Amino acid sequence: AELDPPIERQLSFAAACDNFFAAAKHG
């Protein structure tokens, strides 16, 4: 939350979502 620039300017939302389901599948 304190990153500069903010994490939302560095990581696409689609990538965050893809990461989430990859982690759920493969741990």
mmCIF file of all heavy atoms, coordinates in Angstrom:
data_MODEL
# 
_entry.id   MODEL 
# 
loop_
_atom_site.group_PDB 
_atom_site.id 
_atom_site.type_symbol 
_atom_site.label_atom_id 
_atom_site.label_alt_id 
_atom_site.label_comp_id 
_atom_site.label_asym_id 
_atom_site.label_entity_id 
_atom_site.label_seq_id 
_atom_site.pdbx_PDB_ins_code 
_atom_site.Cartn_x 
_atom_site.Cartn_y 
_atom_site.Cartn_z 
_atom_site.occupancy 
_atom_site.B_iso_or_equiv 
_atom_site.pdbx_formal_charge 
_atom_site.auth_seq_id 
_atom_site.auth_comp_id 
_atom_site.auth_asym_id 
_atom_site.auth_atom_id 
_atom_site.pdbx_PDB_model_num 
ATOM 1   N N   . ALA A 1 1  ? 0.818   -1.209  0.000   1.00 0.00 ? 1  ALA A N   1 
ATOM 2   C CA  . ALA A 1 1  ? 0.000   0.000   0.000   1.00 0.00 ? 1  ALA A CA  1 
ATOM 3   C C   . ALA A 1 1  ? 0.855   1.264   0.000   1.00 0.00 ? 1  ALA A C   1 
ATOM 4   O O   . ALA A 1 1  ? 0.377   2.336   -0.393  1.00 0.00 ? 1  ALA A O   1 
ATOM 5   C CB  . ALA A 1 1  ? -0.934  0.002   1.203   1.00 0.00 ? 1  ALA A CB  1 
ATOM 6   N N   . GLU A 1 2  ? 2.108   1.145   0.426   1.00 0.00 ? 2  GLU A N   1 
ATOM 7   C CA  . GLU A 1 2  ? 2.978   2.318   0.516   1.00 0.00 ? 2  GLU A CA  1 
ATOM 8   C C   . GLU A 1 2  ? 4.008   2.374   -0.602  1.00 0.00 ? 2  GLU A C   1 
ATOM 9   O O   . GLU A 1 2  ? 4.907   3.221   -0.578  1.00 0.00 ? 2  GLU A O   1 
ATOM 10  C CB  . GLU A 1 2  ? 3.672   2.328   1.888   1.00 0.00 ? 2  GLU A CB  1 
ATOM 11  C CG  . GLU A 1 2  ? 2.681   2.504   3.035   1.00 0.00 ? 2  GLU A CG  1 
ATOM 12  C CD  . GLU A 1 2  ? 3.331   2.511   4.407   1.00 0.00 ? 2  GLU A CD  1 
ATOM 13  O OE1 . GLU A 1 2  ? 4.560   2.231   4.482   1.00 0.00 ? 2  GLU A OE1 1 
ATOM 14  O OE2 . GLU A 1 2  ? 2.638   2.808   5.394   1.00 0.00 ? 2  GLU A OE2 1 
ATOM 15  N N   . LEU A 1 3  ? 3.893   1.481   -1.590  1.00 0.00 ? 3  LEU A N   1 
ATOM 16  C CA  . LEU A 1 3  ? 4.840   1.510   -2.695  1.00 0.00 ? 3  LEU A CA  1 
ATOM 17  C C   . LEU A 1 3  ? 4.700   2.806   -3.503  1.00 0.00 ? 3  LEU A C   1 
ATOM 18  O O   . LEU A 1 3  ? 3.626   3.371   -3.623  1.00 0.00 ? 3  LEU A O   1 
ATOM 19  C CB  . LEU A 1 3  ? 4.599   0.323   -3.638  1.00 0.00 ? 3  LEU A CB  1 
ATOM 20  C CG  . LEU A 1 3  ? 5.064   -1.063  -3.193  1.00 0.00 ? 3  LEU A CG  1 
ATOM 21  C CD1 . LEU A 1 3  ? 4.757   -2.073  -4.285  1.00 0.00 ? 3  LEU A CD1 1 
ATOM 22  C CD2 . LEU A 1 3  ? 6.548   -1.075  -2.854  1.00 0.00 ? 3  LEU A CD2 1 
ATOM 23  N N   . ASP A 1 4  ? 5.803   3.259   -4.045  1.00 0.00 ? 4  ASP A N   1 
ATOM 24  C CA  . ASP A 1 4  ? 5.817   4.414   -4.934  1.00 0.00 ? 4  ASP A CA  1 
ATOM 25  C C   . ASP A 1 4  ? 6.682   4.073   -6.151  1.00 0.00 ? 4  ASP A C   1 
ATOM 26  O O   . ASP A 1 4  ? 7.883   3.882   -6.002  1.00 0.00 ? 4  ASP A O   1 
ATOM 27  C CB  . ASP A 1 4  ? 6.384   5.639   -4.210  1.00 0.00 ? 4  ASP A CB  1 
ATOM 28  C CG  . ASP A 1 4  ? 6.281   6.910   -5.046  1.00 0.00 ? 4  ASP A CG  1 
ATOM 29  O OD1 . ASP A 1 4  ? 5.496   6.902   -6.011  1.00 0.00 ? 4  ASP A OD1 1 
ATOM 30  O OD2 . ASP A 1 4  ? 6.988   7.883   -4.727  1.00 0.00 ? 4  ASP A OD2 1 
ATOM 31  N N   . PRO A 1 5  ? 6.075   3.954   -7.346  1.00 0.00 ? 5  PRO A N   1 
ATOM 32  C CA  . PRO A 1 5  ? 4.659   4.177   -7.653  1.00 0.00 ? 5  PRO A CA  1 
ATOM 33  C C   . PRO A 1 5  ? 3.772   3.068   -7.092  1.00 0.00 ? 5  PRO A C   1 
ATOM 34  O O   . PRO A 1 5  ? 4.261   1.977   -6.780  1.00 0.00 ? 5  PRO A O   1 
ATOM 35  C CB  . PRO A 1 5  ? 4.634   4.195   -9.182  1.00 0.00 ? 5  PRO A CB  1 
ATOM 36  C CG  . PRO A 1 5  ? 5.811   3.366   -9.585  1.00 0.00 ? 5  PRO A CG  1 
ATOM 37  C CD  . PRO A 1 5  ? 6.867   3.629   -8.558  1.00 0.00 ? 5  PRO A CD  1 
ATOM 38  N N   . PRO A 1 6  ? 2.452   3.324   -6.958  1.00 0.00 ? 6  PRO A N   1 
ATOM 39  C CA  . PRO A 1 6  ? 1.536   2.334   -6.378  1.00 0.00 ? 6  PRO A CA  1 
ATOM 40  C C   . PRO A 1 6  ? 1.557   1.022   -7.146  1.00 0.00 ? 6  PRO A C   1 
ATOM 41  O O   . PRO A 1 6  ? 1.833   0.987   -8.350  1.00 0.00 ? 6  PRO A O   1 
ATOM 42  C CB  . PRO A 1 6  ? 0.169   3.017   -6.485  1.00 0.00 ? 6  PRO A CB  1 
ATOM 43  C CG  . PRO A 1 6  ? 0.468   4.464   -6.628  1.00 0.00 ? 6  PRO A CG  1 
ATOM 44  C CD  . PRO A 1 6  ? 1.765   4.560   -7.349  1.00 0.00 ? 6  PRO A CD  1 
ATOM 45  N N   . ILE A 1 7  ? 1.234   -0.058  -6.463  1.00 0.00 ? 7  ILE A N   1 
ATOM 46  C CA  . ILE A 1 7  ? 1.268   -1.383  -7.082  1.00 0.00 ? 7  ILE A CA  1 
ATOM 47  C C   . ILE A 1 7  ? 0.336   -1.442  -8.294  1.00 0.00 ? 7  ILE A C   1 
ATOM 48  O O   . ILE A 1 7  ? 0.638   -2.116  -9.291  1.00 0.00 ? 7  ILE A O   1 
ATOM 49  C CB  . ILE A 1 7  ? 0.904   -2.490  -6.059  1.00 0.00 ? 7  ILE A CB  1 
ATOM 50  C CG1 . ILE A 1 7  ? 1.109   -3.878  -6.662  1.00 0.00 ? 7  ILE A CG1 1 
ATOM 51  C CG2 . ILE A 1 7  ? -0.514  -2.321  -5.546  1.00 0.00 ? 7  ILE A CG2 1 
ATOM 52  C CD1 . ILE A 1 7  ? 2.530   -4.185  -7.046  1.00 0.00 ? 7  ILE A CD1 1 
ATOM 53  N N   . GLU A 1 8  ? -0.781  -0.686  -8.259  1.00 0.00 ? 8  GLU A N   1 
ATOM 54  C CA  . GLU A 1 8  ? -1.715  -0.745  -9.382  1.00 0.00 ? 8  GLU A CA  1 
ATOM 55  C C   . GLU A 1 8  ? -1.155  -0.081  -10.640 1.00 0.00 ? 8  GLU A C   1 
ATOM 56  O O   . GLU A 1 8  ? -1.708  -0.267  -11.727 1.00 0.00 ? 8  GLU A O   1 
ATOM 57  C CB  . GLU A 1 8  ? -3.067  -0.132  -9.011  1.00 0.00 ? 8  GLU A CB  1 
ATOM 58  C CG  . GLU A 1 8  ? -3.015  1.306   -8.566  1.00 0.00 ? 8  GLU A CG  1 
ATOM 59  C CD  . GLU A 1 8  ? -2.906  1.464   -7.058  1.00 0.00 ? 8  GLU A CD  1 
ATOM 60  O OE1 . GLU A 1 8  ? -2.326  0.563   -6.405  1.00 0.00 ? 8  GLU A OE1 1 
ATOM 61  O OE2 . GLU A 1 8  ? -3.397  2.482   -6.544  1.00 0.00 ? 8  GLU A OE2 1 
ATOM 62  N N   . ARG A 1 9  ? -0.095  0.680   -10.498 1.00 0.00 ? 9  ARG A N   1 
ATOM 63  C CA  . ARG A 1 9  ? 0.555   1.240   -11.679 1.00 0.00 ? 9  ARG A CA  1 
ATOM 64  C C   . ARG A 1 9  ? 1.694   0.347   -12.176 1.00 0.00 ? 9  ARG A C   1 
ATOM 65  O O   . ARG A 1 9  ? 2.256   0.607   -13.235 1.00 0.00 ? 9  ARG A O   1 
ATOM 66  C CB  . ARG A 1 9  ? 1.102   2.630   -11.363 1.00 0.00 ? 9  ARG A CB  1 
ATOM 67  C CG  . ARG A 1 9  ? 0.023   3.665   -11.064 1.00 0.00 ? 9  ARG A CG  1 
ATOM 68  C CD  . ARG A 1 9  ? 0.628   5.044   -10.907 1.00 0.00 ? 9  ARG A CD  1 
ATOM 69  N NE  . ARG A 1 9  ? -0.362  6.015   -10.455 1.00 0.00 ? 9  ARG A NE  1 
ATOM 70  C CZ  . ARG A 1 9  ? -0.072  7.274   -10.121 1.00 0.00 ? 9  ARG A CZ  1 
ATOM 71  N NH1 . ARG A 1 9  ? 1.191   7.702   -10.214 1.00 0.00 ? 9  ARG A NH1 1 
ATOM 72  N NH2 . ARG A 1 9  ? -1.021  8.095   -9.716  1.00 0.00 ? 9  ARG A NH2 1 
ATOM 73  N N   . GLN A 1 10 ? 2.036   -0.653  -11.405 1.00 0.00 ? 10 GLN A N   1 
ATOM 74  C CA  . GLN A 1 10 ? 3.125   -1.546  -11.788 1.00 0.00 ? 10 GLN A CA  1 
ATOM 75  C C   . GLN A 1 10 ? 2.641   -2.911  -12.274 1.00 0.00 ? 10 GLN A C   1 
ATOM 76  O O   . GLN A 1 10 ? 3.287   -3.546  -13.109 1.00 0.00 ? 10 GLN A O   1 
ATOM 77  C CB  . GLN A 1 10 ? 4.058   -1.763  -10.587 1.00 0.00 ? 10 GLN A CB  1 
ATOM 78  C CG  . GLN A 1 10 ? 4.661   -0.499  -10.003 1.00 0.00 ? 10 GLN A CG  1 
ATOM 79  C CD  . GLN A 1 10 ? 5.625   -0.816  -8.889  1.00 0.00 ? 10 GLN A CD  1 
ATOM 80  O OE1 . GLN A 1 10 ? 6.537   -1.633  -9.044  1.00 0.00 ? 10 GLN A OE1 1 
ATOM 81  N NE2 . GLN A 1 10 ? 5.437   -0.183  -7.737  1.00 0.00 ? 10 GLN A NE2 1 
ATOM 82  N N   . LEU A 1 11 ? 1.511   -3.365  -11.723 1.00 0.00 ? 11 LEU A N   1 
ATOM 83  C CA  . LEU A 1 11 ? 0.985   -4.701  -12.000 1.00 0.00 ? 11 LEU A CA  1 
ATOM 84  C C   . LEU A 1 11 ? -0.394  -4.558  -12.610 1.00 0.00 ? 11 LEU A C   1 
ATOM 85  O O   . LEU A 1 11 ? -1.258  -3.877  -12.050 1.00 0.00 ? 11 LEU A O   1 
ATOM 86  C CB  . LEU A 1 11 ? 0.906   -5.511  -10.699 1.00 0.00 ? 11 LEU A CB  1 
ATOM 87  C CG  . LEU A 1 11 ? 0.366   -6.936  -10.771 1.00 0.00 ? 11 LEU A CG  1 
ATOM 88  C CD1 . LEU A 1 11 ? 1.334   -7.856  -11.502 1.00 0.00 ? 11 LEU A CD1 1 
ATOM 89  C CD2 . LEU A 1 11 ? 0.089   -7.464  -9.355  1.00 0.00 ? 11 LEU A CD2 1 
ATOM 90  N N   . SER A 1 12 ? -0.631  -5.174  -13.759 1.00 0.00 ? 12 SER A N   1 
ATOM 91  C CA  . SER A 1 12 ? -1.971  -5.104  -14.345 1.00 0.00 ? 12 SER A CA  1 
ATOM 92  C C   . SER A 1 12 ? -2.940  -5.920  -13.498 1.00 0.00 ? 12 SER A C   1 
ATOM 93  O O   . SER A 1 12 ? -2.563  -6.905  -12.858 1.00 0.00 ? 12 SER A O   1 
ATOM 94  C CB  . SER A 1 12 ? -1.965  -5.634  -15.777 1.00 0.00 ? 12 SER A CB  1 
ATOM 95  O OG  . SER A 1 12 ? -1.846  -7.045  -15.803 1.00 0.00 ? 12 SER A OG  1 
ATOM 96  N N   . PHE A 1 13 ? -4.209  -5.499  -13.501 1.00 0.00 ? 13 PHE A N   1 
ATOM 97  C CA  . PHE A 1 13 ? -5.205  -6.236  -12.737 1.00 0.00 ? 13 PHE A CA  1 
ATOM 98  C C   . PHE A 1 13 ? -5.373  -7.645  -13.296 1.00 0.00 ? 13 PHE A C   1 
ATOM 99  O O   . PHE A 1 13 ? -5.552  -8.609  -12.543 1.00 0.00 ? 13 PHE A O   1 
ATOM 100 C CB  . PHE A 1 13 ? -6.546  -5.503  -12.739 1.00 0.00 ? 13 PHE A CB  1 
ATOM 101 C CG  . PHE A 1 13 ? -7.492  -6.021  -11.707 1.00 0.00 ? 13 PHE A CG  1 
ATOM 102 C CD1 . PHE A 1 13 ? -7.504  -5.500  -10.429 1.00 0.00 ? 13 PHE A CD1 1 
ATOM 103 C CD2 . PHE A 1 13 ? -8.377  -7.050  -11.999 1.00 0.00 ? 13 PHE A CD2 1 
ATOM 104 C CE1 . PHE A 1 13 ? -8.371  -5.987  -9.460  1.00 0.00 ? 13 PHE A CE1 1 
ATOM 105 C CE2 . PHE A 1 13 ? -9.257  -7.550  -11.049 1.00 0.00 ? 13 PHE A CE2 1 
ATOM 106 C CZ  . PHE A 1 13 ? -9.245  -7.010  -9.771  1.00 0.00 ? 13 PHE A CZ  1 
ATOM 107 N N   . ALA A 1 14 ? -5.296  -7.768  -14.617 1.00 0.00 ? 14 ALA A N   1 
ATOM 108 C CA  . ALA A 1 14 ? -5.417  -9.095  -15.233 1.00 0.00 ? 14 ALA A CA  1 
ATOM 109 C C   . ALA A 1 14 ? -4.318  -10.023 -14.750 1.00 0.00 ? 14 ALA A C   1 
ATOM 110 O O   . ALA A 1 14 ? -4.561  -11.219 -14.506 1.00 0.00 ? 14 ALA A O   1 
ATOM 111 C CB  . ALA A 1 14 ? -5.372  -8.972  -16.746 1.00 0.00 ? 14 ALA A CB  1 
ATOM 112 N N   . ALA A 1 15 ? -3.104  -9.495  -14.580 1.00 0.00 ? 15 ALA A N   1 
ATOM 113 C CA  . ALA A 1 15 ? -1.999  -10.320 -14.086 1.00 0.00 ? 15 ALA A CA  1 
ATOM 114 C C   . ALA A 1 15 ? -2.243  -10.733 -12.639 1.00 0.00 ? 15 ALA A C   1 
ATOM 115 O O   . ALA A 1 15 ? -1.957  -11.878 -12.252 1.00 0.00 ? 15 ALA A O   1 
ATOM 116 C CB  . ALA A 1 15 ? -0.678  -9.574  -14.207 1.00 0.00 ? 15 ALA A CB  1 
ATOM 117 N N   . ALA A 1 16 ? -2.766  -9.821  -11.824 1.00 0.00 ? 16 ALA A N   1 
ATOM 118 C CA  . ALA A 1 16 ? -3.071  -10.162 -10.431 1.00 0.00 ? 16 ALA A CA  1 
ATOM 119 C C   . ALA A 1 16 ? -4.116  -11.272 -10.372 1.00 0.00 ? 16 ALA A C   1 
ATOM 120 O O   . ALA A 1 16 ? -4.022  -12.192 -9.548  1.00 0.00 ? 16 ALA A O   1 
ATOM 121 C CB  . ALA A 1 16 ? -3.566  -8.925  -9.687  1.00 0.00 ? 16 ALA A CB  1 
ATOM 122 N N   . CYS A 1 17 ? -5.122  -11.190 -11.243 1.00 0.00 ? 17 CYS A N   1 
ATOM 123 C CA  . CYS A 1 17 ? -6.171  -12.217 -11.294 1.00 0.00 ? 17 CYS A CA  1 
ATOM 124 C C   . CYS A 1 17 ? -5.601  -13.554 -11.772 1.00 0.00 ? 17 CYS A C   1 
ATOM 125 O O   . CYS A 1 17 ? -5.879  -14.605 -11.188 1.00 0.00 ? 17 CYS A O   1 
ATOM 126 C CB  . CYS A 1 17 ? -7.293  -11.750 -12.205 1.00 0.00 ? 17 CYS A CB  1 
ATOM 127 S SG  . CYS A 1 17 ? -8.726  -12.841 -12.240 1.00 0.00 ? 17 CYS A SG  1 
ATOM 128 N N   . ASP A 1 18 ? -4.783  -13.523 -12.822 1.00 0.00 ? 18 ASP A N   1 
ATOM 129 C CA  . ASP A 1 18 ? -4.156  -14.753 -13.317 1.00 0.00 ? 18 ASP A CA  1 
ATOM 130 C C   . ASP A 1 18 ? -3.284  -15.386 -12.232 1.00 0.00 ? 18 ASP A C   1 
ATOM 131 O O   . ASP A 1 18 ? -3.276  -16.617 -12.061 1.00 0.00 ? 18 ASP A O   1 
ATOM 132 C CB  . ASP A 1 18 ? -3.313  -14.463 -14.552 1.00 0.00 ? 18 ASP A CB  1 
ATOM 133 C CG  . ASP A 1 18 ? -4.158  -14.124 -15.778 1.00 0.00 ? 18 ASP A CG  1 
ATOM 134 O OD1 . ASP A 1 18 ? -5.381  -14.403 -15.754 1.00 0.00 ? 18 ASP A OD1 1 
ATOM 135 O OD2 . ASP A 1 18 ? -3.595  -13.588 -16.744 1.00 0.00 ? 18 ASP A OD2 1 
ATOM 136 N N   . ASN A 1 19 ? -2.529  -14.561 -11.522 1.00 0.00 ? 19 ASN A N   1 
ATOM 137 C CA  . ASN A 1 19 ? -1.703  -15.055 -10.416 1.00 0.00 ? 19 ASN A CA  1 
ATOM 138 C C   . ASN A 1 19 ? -2.548  -15.786 -9.383  1.00 0.00 ? 19 ASN A C   1 
ATOM 139 O O   . ASN A 1 19 ? -2.178  -16.865 -8.884  1.00 0.00 ? 19 ASN A O   1 
ATOM 140 C CB  . ASN A 1 19 ? -0.992  -13.893 -9.722  1.00 0.00 ? 19 ASN A CB  1 
ATOM 141 C CG  . ASN A 1 19 ? 0.244   -13.406 -10.450 1.00 0.00 ? 19 ASN A CG  1 
ATOM 142 O OD1 . ASN A 1 19 ? 0.737   -14.042 -11.383 1.00 0.00 ? 19 ASN A OD1 1 
ATOM 143 N ND2 . ASN A 1 19 ? 0.753   -12.266 -10.022 1.00 0.00 ? 19 ASN A ND2 1 
ATOM 144 N N   . PHE A 1 20 ? -3.696  -15.181 -9.040  1.00 0.00 ? 20 PHE A N   1 
ATOM 145 C CA  . PHE A 1 20 ? -4.567  -15.735 -8.001  1.00 0.00 ? 20 PHE A CA  1 
ATOM 146 C C   . PHE A 1 20 ? -5.017  -17.152 -8.351  1.00 0.00 ? 20 PHE A C   1 
ATOM 147 O O   . PHE A 1 20 ? -4.929  -18.082 -7.532  1.00 0.00 ? 20 PHE A O   1 
ATOM 148 C CB  . PHE A 1 20 ? -5.765  -14.815 -7.811  1.00 0.00 ? 20 PHE A CB  1 
ATOM 149 C CG  . PHE A 1 20 ? -6.759  -15.271 -6.786  1.00 0.00 ? 20 PHE A CG  1 
ATOM 150 C CD1 . PHE A 1 20 ? -6.430  -15.301 -5.443  1.00 0.00 ? 20 PHE A CD1 1 
ATOM 151 C CD2 . PHE A 1 20 ? -8.044  -15.658 -7.153  1.00 0.00 ? 20 PHE A CD2 1 
ATOM 152 C CE1 . PHE A 1 20 ? -7.354  -15.701 -4.484  1.00 0.00 ? 20 PHE A CE1 1 
ATOM 153 C CE2 . PHE A 1 20 ? -8.967  -16.065 -6.217  1.00 0.00 ? 20 PHE A CE2 1 
ATOM 154 C CZ  . PHE A 1 20 ? -8.623  -16.092 -4.874  1.00 0.00 ? 20 PHE A CZ  1 
ATOM 155 N N   . PHE A 1 21 ? -5.471  -17.342 -9.575  1.00 0.00 ? 21 PHE A N   1 
ATOM 156 C CA  . PHE A 1 21 ? -5.968  -18.668 -9.948  1.00 0.00 ? 21 PHE A CA  1 
ATOM 157 C C   . PHE A 1 21 ? -4.827  -19.654 -10.204 1.00 0.00 ? 21 PHE A C   1 
ATOM 158 O O   . PHE A 1 21 ? -4.988  -20.854 -9.950  1.00 0.00 ? 21 PHE A O   1 
ATOM 159 C CB  . PHE A 1 21 ? -6.912  -18.552 -11.146 1.00 0.00 ? 21 PHE A CB  1 
ATOM 160 C CG  . PHE A 1 21 ? -8.230  -17.948 -10.768 1.00 0.00 ? 21 PHE A CG  1 
ATOM 161 C CD1 . PHE A 1 21 ? -8.508  -16.615 -11.051 1.00 0.00 ? 21 PHE A CD1 1 
ATOM 162 C CD2 . PHE A 1 21 ? -9.168  -18.687 -10.080 1.00 0.00 ? 21 PHE A CD2 1 
ATOM 163 C CE1 . PHE A 1 21 ? -9.722  -16.050 -10.673 1.00 0.00 ? 21 PHE A CE1 1 
ATOM 164 C CE2 . PHE A 1 21 ? -10.387 -18.137 -9.699  1.00 0.00 ? 21 PHE A CE2 1 
ATOM 165 C CZ  . PHE A 1 21 ? -10.654 -16.805 -9.993  1.00 0.00 ? 21 PHE A CZ  1 
ATOM 166 N N   . ALA A 1 22 ? -3.676  -19.170 -10.658 1.00 0.00 ? 22 ALA A N   1 
ATOM 167 C CA  . ALA A 1 22 ? -2.515  -20.060 -10.783 1.00 0.00 ? 22 ALA A CA  1 
ATOM 168 C C   . ALA A 1 22 ? -2.106  -20.576 -9.406  1.00 0.00 ? 22 ALA A C   1 
ATOM 169 O O   . ALA A 1 22 ? -1.795  -21.764 -9.234  1.00 0.00 ? 22 ALA A O   1 
ATOM 170 C CB  . ALA A 1 22 ? -1.352  -19.321 -11.442 1.00 0.00 ? 22 ALA A CB  1 
ATOM 171 N N   . ALA A 1 23 ? -2.111  -19.703 -8.404  1.00 0.00 ? 23 ALA A N   1 
ATOM 172 C CA  . ALA A 1 23 ? -1.754  -20.115 -7.041  1.00 0.00 ? 23 ALA A CA  1 
ATOM 173 C C   . ALA A 1 23 ? -2.778  -21.095 -6.488  1.00 0.00 ? 23 ALA A C   1 
ATOM 174 O O   . ALA A 1 23 ? -2.422  -22.062 -5.796  1.00 0.00 ? 23 ALA A O   1 
ATOM 175 C CB  . ALA A 1 23 ? -1.642  -18.888 -6.141  1.00 0.00 ? 23 ALA A CB  1 
ATOM 176 N N   . ALA A 1 24 ? -4.060  -20.862 -6.771  1.00 0.00 ? 24 ALA A N   1 
ATOM 177 C CA  . ALA A 1 24 ? -5.088  -21.784 -6.293  1.00 0.00 ? 24 ALA A CA  1 
ATOM 178 C C   . ALA A 1 24 ? -4.922  -23.169 -6.908  1.00 0.00 ? 24 ALA A C   1 
ATOM 179 O O   . ALA A 1 24 ? -5.097  -24.189 -6.233  1.00 0.00 ? 24 ALA A O   1 
ATOM 180 C CB  . ALA A 1 24 ? -6.471  -21.229 -6.603  1.00 0.00 ? 24 ALA A CB  1 
ATOM 181 N N   . LYS A 1 25 ? -4.540  -23.227 -8.183  1.00 0.00 ? 25 LYS A N   1 
ATOM 182 C CA  . LYS A 1 25 ? -4.392  -24.516 -8.854  1.00 0.00 ? 25 LYS A CA  1 
ATOM 183 C C   . LYS A 1 25 ? -3.132  -25.257 -8.410  1.00 0.00 ? 25 LYS A C   1 
ATOM 184 O O   . LYS A 1 25 ? -3.159  -26.473 -8.184  1.00 0.00 ? 25 LYS A O   1 
ATOM 185 C CB  . LYS A 1 25 ? -4.355  -24.308 -10.365 1.00 0.00 ? 25 LYS A CB  1 
ATOM 186 C CG  . LYS A 1 25 ? -5.691  -23.893 -10.964 1.00 0.00 ? 25 LYS A CG  1 
ATOM 187 C CD  . LYS A 1 25 ? -5.572  -23.637 -12.470 1.00 0.00 ? 25 LYS A CD  1 
ATOM 188 C CE  . LYS A 1 25 ? -6.900  -23.186 -13.036 1.00 0.00 ? 25 LYS A CE  1 
ATOM 189 N NZ  . LYS A 1 25 ? -6.832  -22.870 -14.488 1.00 0.00 ? 25 LYS A NZ  1 
ATOM 190 N N   . HIS A 1 26 ? -2.027  -24.541 -8.288  1.00 0.00 ? 26 HIS A N   1 
ATOM 191 C CA  . HIS A 1 26 ? -0.726  -25.209 -8.120  1.00 0.00 ? 26 HIS A CA  1 
ATOM 192 C C   . HIS A 1 26 ? -0.021  -24.909 -6.804  1.00 0.00 ? 26 HIS A C   1 
ATOM 193 O O   . HIS A 1 26 ? 1.026   -25.489 -6.531  1.00 0.00 ? 26 HIS A O   1 
ATOM 194 C CB  . HIS A 1 26 ? 0.191   -24.832 -9.289  1.00 0.00 ? 26 HIS A CB  1 
ATOM 195 C CG  . HIS A 1 26 ? -0.408  -25.100 -10.633 1.00 0.00 ? 26 HIS A CG  1 
ATOM 196 N ND1 . HIS A 1 26 ? -0.660  -26.382 -11.087 1.00 0.00 ? 26 HIS A ND1 1 
ATOM 197 C CD2 . HIS A 1 26 ? -0.816  -24.267 -11.624 1.00 0.00 ? 26 HIS A CD2 1 
ATOM 198 C CE1 . HIS A 1 26 ? -1.195  -26.310 -12.301 1.00 0.00 ? 26 HIS A CE1 1 
ATOM 199 N NE2 . HIS A 1 26 ? -1.303  -25.043 -12.637 1.00 0.00 ? 26 HIS A NE2 1 
ATOM 200 N N   . GLY A 1 27 ? -0.558  -24.009 -5.988  1.00 0.00 ? 27 GLY A N   1 
ATOM 201 C CA  . GLY A 1 27 ? 0.020   -23.746 -4.684  1.00 0.00 ? 27 GLY A CA  1 
ATOM 202 C C   . GLY A 1 27 ? 1.440   -23.235 -4.741  1.00 0.00 ? 27 GLY A C   1 
ATOM 203 O O   . GLY A 1 27 ? 1.789   -22.389 -5.571  1.00 0.00 ? 27 GLY A O   1 
# 
